[in-house]
Amino acid sequence: MAHPNRPPVRSGRPRRVGELVPEVLEEVGLGATSAVLRLLGEWDSALGEQFAPHCRLDGIRHGVVYARVRDSGWMQRIQLEKPKILARIAKALGESIACDLRFRLGDVEQDTSPSPGRGSPGR
């Protein structure tokens, strides 16, 4: 006999919490937040050791990733790597949440949380 306060037993394979969280966030209207959190977890790896200390994620909106870069020299070097960075993001996240990267000069030392709803850097 089923307990009245227990949800029904589901068949199928057990699922990891990491698989369920993005689905739940999407269901409650927080899909953009989920995308930013997943991207944040892969950001340094996608940039690579050489560039990660010089670039910080600002946010993502409509598939465009916004980031701050330390100075114009680093911005130019990172800009040249943009296709590879986008490919690593797509590979790591298993989907194409990022179709473009846009950079601006800014402070990368300050650890501020990226904003999923930020339309463009500096707003």
C-alpha atoms as a PDB file:
ATOM      1  CA  MET A   1       0.000   0.000   0.000  1.00  0.00           C
ATOM      2  CA  ALA A   2       1.375   3.423  -0.993  1.00  0.00           C
ATOM      3  CA  HIS A   3       2.017   5.983   1.698  1.00  0.00           C
ATOM      4  CA  PRO A   4      -0.281   9.039   1.162  1.00  0.00           C
ATOM      5  CA  ASN A   5       2.570  11.583   1.579  1.00  0.00           C
ATOM      6  CA  ARG A   6       5.061   9.812  -0.696  1.00  0.00           C
ATOM      7  CA  PRO A   7       5.275  10.493  -4.410  1.00  0.00           C
ATOM      8  CA  PRO A   8       4.715   7.489  -6.660  1.00  0.00           C
ATOM      9  CA  VAL A   9       7.703   5.315  -7.474  1.00  0.00           C
ATOM     10  CA  ARG A  10       9.081   6.105 -10.925  1.00  0.00           C
ATOM     11  CA  SER A  11      10.541   3.583 -13.244  1.00  0.00           C
ATOM     12  CA  GLY A  12      13.641   4.164 -15.347  1.00  0.00           C
ATOM     13  CA  ARG A  13      17.206   4.936 -14.537  1.00  0.00           C
ATOM     14  CA  PRO A  14      18.199   7.129 -11.592  1.00  0.00           C
ATOM     15  CA  ARG A  15      19.189  10.634 -12.659  1.00  0.00           C
ATOM     16  CA  ARG A  16      21.858  12.894 -11.271  1.00  0.00           C
ATOM     17  CA  VAL A  17      20.823  16.145  -9.645  1.00  0.00           C
ATOM     18  CA  GLY A  18      23.005  17.983 -12.156  1.00  0.00           C
ATOM     19  CA  GLU A  19      20.800  16.649 -14.943  1.00  0.00           C
ATOM     20  CA  LEU A  20      17.588  17.626 -13.202  1.00  0.00           C
ATOM     21  CA  VAL A  21      18.420  21.154 -12.060  1.00  0.00           C
ATOM     22  CA  PRO A  22      18.520  22.720 -15.567  1.00  0.00           C
ATOM     23  CA  GLU A  23      15.194  21.063 -16.419  1.00  0.00           C
ATOM     24  CA  VAL A  24      13.537  22.315 -13.232  1.00  0.00           C
ATOM     25  CA  LEU A  25      14.922  25.844 -13.707  1.00  0.00           C
ATOM     26  CA  GLU A  26      13.579  25.867 -17.265  1.00  0.00           C
ATOM     27  CA  GLU A  27      10.149  24.704 -16.046  1.00  0.00           C
ATOM     28  CA  VAL A  28       9.930  27.534 -13.507  1.00  0.00           C
ATOM     29  CA  GLY A  29      11.111  30.177 -15.973  1.00  0.00           C
ATOM     30  CA  LEU A  30      14.738  30.420 -14.891  1.00  0.00           C
ATOM     31  CA  GLY A  31      16.325  28.846 -17.957  1.00  0.00           C
ATOM     32  CA  ALA A  32      18.601  31.853 -18.563  1.00  0.00           C
ATOM     33  CA  THR A  33      19.958  31.551 -15.027  1.00  0.00           C
ATOM     34  CA  SER A  34      20.633  27.885 -15.616  1.00  0.00           C
ATOM     35  CA  ALA A  35      22.542  28.655 -18.824  1.00  0.00           C
ATOM     36  CA  VAL A  36      24.720  31.237 -17.078  1.00  0.00           C
ATOM     37  CA  LEU A  37      25.483  28.905 -14.182  1.00  0.00           C
ATOM     38  CA  ARG A  38      26.500  26.096 -16.520  1.00  0.00           C
ATOM     39  CA  LEU A  39      28.580  28.477 -18.620  1.00  0.00           C
ATOM     40  CA  LEU A  40      30.211  29.931 -15.514  1.00  0.00           C
ATOM     41  CA  GLY A  41      31.295  26.444 -14.499  1.00  0.00           C
ATOM     42  CA  GLU A  42      32.993  25.912 -17.878  1.00  0.00           C
ATOM     43  CA  TRP A  43      34.230  29.448 -18.554  1.00  0.00           C
ATOM     44  CA  ASP A  44      37.876  29.150 -17.452  1.00  0.00           C
ATOM     45  CA  SER A  45      38.234  25.796 -19.168  1.00  0.00           C
ATOM     46  CA  ALA A  46      36.725  27.145 -22.401  1.00  0.00           C
ATOM     47  CA  LEU A  47      39.103  30.107 -22.358  1.00  0.00           C
ATOM     48  CA  GLY A  48      42.153  28.044 -21.517  1.00  0.00           C
ATOM     49  CA  GLU A  49      44.910  28.625 -18.964  1.00  0.00           C
ATOM     50  CA  GLN A  50      46.520  31.388 -20.986  1.00  0.00           C
ATOM     51  CA  PHE A  51      43.424  33.595 -21.267  1.00  0.00           C
ATOM     52  CA  ALA A  52      41.309  32.783 -18.193  1.00  0.00           C
ATOM     53  CA  PRO A  53      43.137  35.145 -15.799  1.00  0.00           C
ATOM     54  CA  HIS A  54      42.559  38.052 -18.200  1.00  0.00           C
ATOM     55  CA  CYS A  55      38.856  37.649 -18.999  1.00  0.00           C
ATOM     56  CA  ARG A  56      35.700  37.431 -16.850  1.00  0.00           C
ATOM     57  CA  LEU A  57      32.202  36.376 -17.818  1.00  0.00           C
ATOM     58  CA  ASP A  58      29.595  39.142 -17.546  1.00  0.00           C
ATOM     59  CA  GLY A  59      26.512  37.298 -18.747  1.00  0.00           C
ATOM     60  CA  ILE A  60      24.648  35.780 -21.648  1.00  0.00           C
ATOM     61  CA  ARG A  61      21.584  36.960 -23.514  1.00  0.00           C
ATOM     62  CA  HIS A  62      19.977  35.465 -26.594  1.00  0.00           C
ATOM     63  CA  GLY A  63      23.028  33.302 -27.206  1.00  0.00           C
ATOM     64  CA  VAL A  64      25.515  36.172 -26.997  1.00  0.00           C
ATOM     65  CA  VAL A  65      28.135  35.826 -24.267  1.00  0.00           C
ATOM     66  CA  TYR A  66      29.400  39.108 -22.806  1.00  0.00           C
ATOM     67  CA  ALA A  67      32.778  39.263 -21.088  1.00  0.00           C
ATOM     68  CA  ARG A  68      35.263  41.772 -19.689  1.00  0.00           C
ATOM     69  CA  VAL A  69      38.912  41.709 -20.752  1.00  0.00           C
ATOM     70  CA  ARG A  70      41.845  43.260 -18.866  1.00  0.00           C
ATOM     71  CA  ASP A  71      43.263  45.394 -21.701  1.00  0.00           C
ATOM     72  CA  SER A  72      43.210  45.862 -25.468  1.00  0.00           C
ATOM     73  CA  GLY A  73      46.213  43.578 -26.037  1.00  0.00           C
ATOM     74  CA  TRP A  74      44.496  40.661 -24.314  1.00  0.00           C
ATOM     75  CA  MET A  75      41.226  41.527 -26.019  1.00  0.00           C
ATOM     76  CA  GLN A  76      42.847  41.193 -29.449  1.00  0.00           C
ATOM     77  CA  ARG A  77      44.477  37.868 -28.539  1.00  0.00           C
ATOM     78  CA  ILE A  78      41.244  36.453 -27.098  1.00  0.00           C
ATOM     79  CA  GLN A  79      39.236  37.748 -30.067  1.00  0.00           C
ATOM     80  CA  LEU A  80      41.471  35.694 -32.374  1.00  0.00           C
ATOM     81  CA  GLU A  81      40.602  32.591 -30.326  1.00  0.00           C
ATOM     82  CA  LYS A  82      36.846  33.255 -30.420  1.00  0.00           C
ATOM     83  CA  PRO A  83      35.930  30.363 -32.773  1.00  0.00           C
ATOM     84  CA  LYS A  84      37.871  27.886 -30.622  1.00  0.00           C
ATOM     85  CA  ILE A  85      36.351  29.244 -27.401  1.00  0.00           C
ATOM     86  CA  LEU A  86      32.822  28.962 -28.832  1.00  0.00           C
ATOM     87  CA  ALA A  87      33.542  25.400 -29.955  1.00  0.00           C
ATOM     88  CA  ARG A  88      34.811  24.432 -26.479  1.00  0.00           C
ATOM     89  CA  ILE A  89      31.706  25.955 -24.864  1.00  0.00           C
ATOM     90  CA  ALA A  90      29.435  24.004 -27.224  1.00  0.00           C
ATOM     91  CA  LYS A  91      31.361  20.783 -26.609  1.00  0.00           C
ATOM     92  CA  ALA A  92      31.435  21.180 -22.816  1.00  0.00           C
ATOM     93  CA  LEU A  93      27.762  22.057 -22.445  1.00  0.00           C
ATOM     94  CA  GLY A  94      26.526  19.596 -25.013  1.00  0.00           C
ATOM     95  CA  GLU A  95      24.480  22.268 -26.714  1.00  0.00           C
ATOM     96  CA  SER A  96      24.922  25.498 -28.556  1.00  0.00           C
ATOM     97  CA  ILE A  97      23.933  28.090 -25.959  1.00  0.00           C
ATOM     98  CA  ALA A  98      26.569  30.524 -27.206  1.00  0.00           C
ATOM     99  CA  CYS A  99      26.466  31.735 -30.807  1.00  0.00           C
ATOM    100  CA  ASP A 100      28.721  34.770 -30.311  1.00  0.00           C
ATOM    101  CA  LEU A 101      31.183  36.330 -27.859  1.00  0.00           C
ATOM    102  CA  ARG A 102      31.400  40.066 -27.253  1.00  0.00           C
ATOM    103  CA  PHE A 103      34.153  41.640 -25.237  1.00  0.00           C
ATOM    104  CA  ARG A 104      34.658  44.970 -23.523  1.00  0.00           C
ATOM    105  CA  LEU A 105      37.518  46.396 -21.538  1.00  0.00           C
ATOM    106  CA  GLY A 106      36.972  46.179 -17.809  1.00  0.00           C
ATOM    107  CA  ASP A 107      38.166  45.118 -14.403  1.00  0.00           C
ATOM    108  CA  VAL A 108      38.686  41.378 -14.242  1.00  0.00           C
ATOM    109  CA  GLU A 109      39.969  41.285 -10.663  1.00  0.00           C
ATOM    110  CA  GLN A 110      36.585  42.010  -9.143  1.00  0.00           C
ATOM    111  CA  ASP A 111      34.601  38.801  -8.801  1.00  0.00           C
ATOM    112  CA  THR A 112      31.081  39.888  -9.675  1.00  0.00           C
ATOM    113  CA  SER A 113      28.344  37.441 -10.505  1.00  0.00           C
ATOM    114  CA  PRO A 114      27.260  37.403 -14.125  1.00  0.00           C
ATOM    115  CA  SER A 115      23.775  38.549 -14.891  1.00  0.00           C
ATOM    116  CA  PRO A 116      21.620  36.338 -17.118  1.00  0.00           C
ATOM    117  CA  GLY A 117      19.389  39.234 -18.076  1.00  0.00           C
ATOM    118  CA  ARG A 118      22.087  41.753 -18.925  1.00  0.00           C
ATOM    119  CA  GLY A 119      21.404  43.003 -22.433  1.00  0.00           C
ATOM    120  CA  SER A 120      24.886  44.212 -23.121  1.00  0.00           C
ATOM    121  CA  PRO A 121      28.031  44.854 -21.127  1.00  0.00           C
ATOM    122  CA  GLY A 122      27.999  47.946 -19.005  1.00  0.00           C
ATOM    123  CA  ARG A 123      24.240  48.170 -18.610  1.00  0.00           C
END
